[in-house]
Protein backbone atom coordinates (compact mmCIF):
# COMPACT_ATOMS: atom_id res chain seq x y z
CA MET A 1 0.91 -1.88 7.94
CA GLN A 2 -1.26 0.86 9.40
CA VAL A 3 -1.59 3.96 7.21
CA GLY A 4 -3.15 7.40 7.45
CA ASN A 5 -5.91 8.91 5.33
CA GLU A 6 -3.41 10.52 2.94
CA VAL A 7 -2.09 7.07 2.02
CA VAL A 8 -5.62 5.69 1.67
CA LEU A 9 -6.50 8.46 -0.79
CA ALA A 10 -3.28 7.97 -2.77
CA VAL A 11 -3.85 4.20 -2.94
CA GLN A 12 -7.43 4.67 -4.12
CA LYS A 13 -6.18 6.87 -6.97
CA ALA A 14 -3.13 4.86 -8.01
CA ILE A 15 -3.57 1.15 -7.28
CA PRO A 16 -5.77 -1.11 -9.43
CA ASN A 17 -8.43 -2.85 -7.31
CA ALA A 18 -7.40 -0.70 -4.35
CA GLU A 19 -10.29 -1.97 -2.24
CA ILE A 20 -8.61 -5.35 -1.82
CA THR A 21 -5.37 -3.73 -0.63
CA LEU A 22 -7.01 -1.66 2.14
CA ASN A 23 -8.51 -3.22 5.25
CA LYS A 24 -10.45 -0.99 7.64
CA LYS A 25 -10.10 -2.22 11.22
CA SER A 26 -12.73 -1.87 13.95
CA SER A 27 -10.65 1.04 15.29
CA GLY A 28 -11.41 2.94 12.07
CA LYS A 29 -7.75 2.78 11.04
CA PHE A 30 -6.72 1.36 7.69
CA HIS A 31 -4.10 -1.30 7.11
CA PHE A 32 -2.47 -1.45 3.66
CA ASN A 33 -1.32 -4.68 2.04
CA LEU A 34 1.73 -3.61 0.03
CA TRP A 35 2.34 -7.14 -1.27
CA GLU A 36 -1.15 -7.26 -2.78
CA ALA A 37 -0.84 -3.73 -4.16
CA ASN A 38 2.35 -4.69 -6.00
CA ARG A 39 0.64 -7.85 -7.30
CA GLN A 40 -2.29 -5.78 -8.62
CA ILE A 41 0.08 -3.38 -10.40
CA LEU A 42 1.94 -6.28 -12.04
CA LEU A 43 -1.32 -7.94 -13.13
CA LYS A 44 -2.54 -4.68 -14.68
CA ALA A 45 0.79 -4.40 -16.52
CA GLY A 46 0.07 -7.75 -18.15
CA ILE A 47 2.26 -10.04 -16.06
CA PRO A 48 0.54 -13.44 -15.83
CA GLU A 49 -0.43 -14.41 -12.28
CA LYS A 50 1.56 -17.65 -12.55
CA ASN A 51 4.70 -15.53 -13.03
CA ILE A 52 4.26 -13.51 -9.84
CA GLU A 53 5.82 -14.81 -6.65
CA ILE A 54 5.54 -13.01 -3.34
CA PHE A 55 8.29 -13.55 -0.79
CA VAL A 56 6.06 -13.68 2.29
CA GLU A 57 8.46 -12.58 5.00
CA CYS A 58 8.25 -9.47 7.16
CA SER A 59 11.21 -7.48 8.44
CA PHE A 60 9.10 -6.05 11.28
CA GLN A 61 8.04 -9.48 12.55
CA ASP A 62 11.43 -11.12 12.01
CA ASN A 63 13.87 -8.35 12.89
CA LYS A 64 16.45 -10.89 14.05
CA LYS A 65 16.75 -12.04 10.44
CA TYR A 66 16.16 -8.69 8.68
CA PHE A 67 16.77 -5.03 9.54
CA SER A 68 13.60 -3.10 10.40
CA VAL A 69 13.56 0.69 10.65
CA ARG A 70 9.89 0.52 11.69
CA LYS A 71 10.78 -1.67 14.65
CA GLU A 72 14.32 -0.61 15.54
CA ASP A 73 14.30 3.07 14.52
CA ILE A 74 16.69 4.68 12.05
CA ASN A 75 19.89 3.37 13.67
CA THR A 76 19.83 -0.03 12.03
CA GLY A 77 21.39 -1.73 9.02
CA ARG A 78 20.11 -1.55 5.45
CA MET A 79 18.70 -4.04 2.96
CA VAL A 80 18.22 -4.01 -0.78
CA SER A 81 15.61 -5.79 -2.86
CA GLY A 82 14.99 -6.18 -6.53
CA ILE A 83 12.70 -7.42 -9.24
CA MET A 84 13.92 -9.77 -11.93
CA MET A 85 12.17 -10.45 -15.19
CA LEU A 86 13.10 -13.66 -16.97
CA LYS A 87 12.28 -14.48 -20.57
């Protein structure tokens, strides 16, 4: 997703290996990979890579299957997500 400079600065301060989560386009705008940022945070917290699974679906691209405020504006349905840790 495209982000502004305030997000870029916050990511650089807070996300481990932030440089791999930010992609500067030829337009000069940055795109932020939230999936990778979450993966980096989990890795830094000691979660083994083999235990991290990313559900690679996008509500913006598949708004027939999922609600997308970014695509449909605020007057849309809601979703919930979660993280589960198994021992």
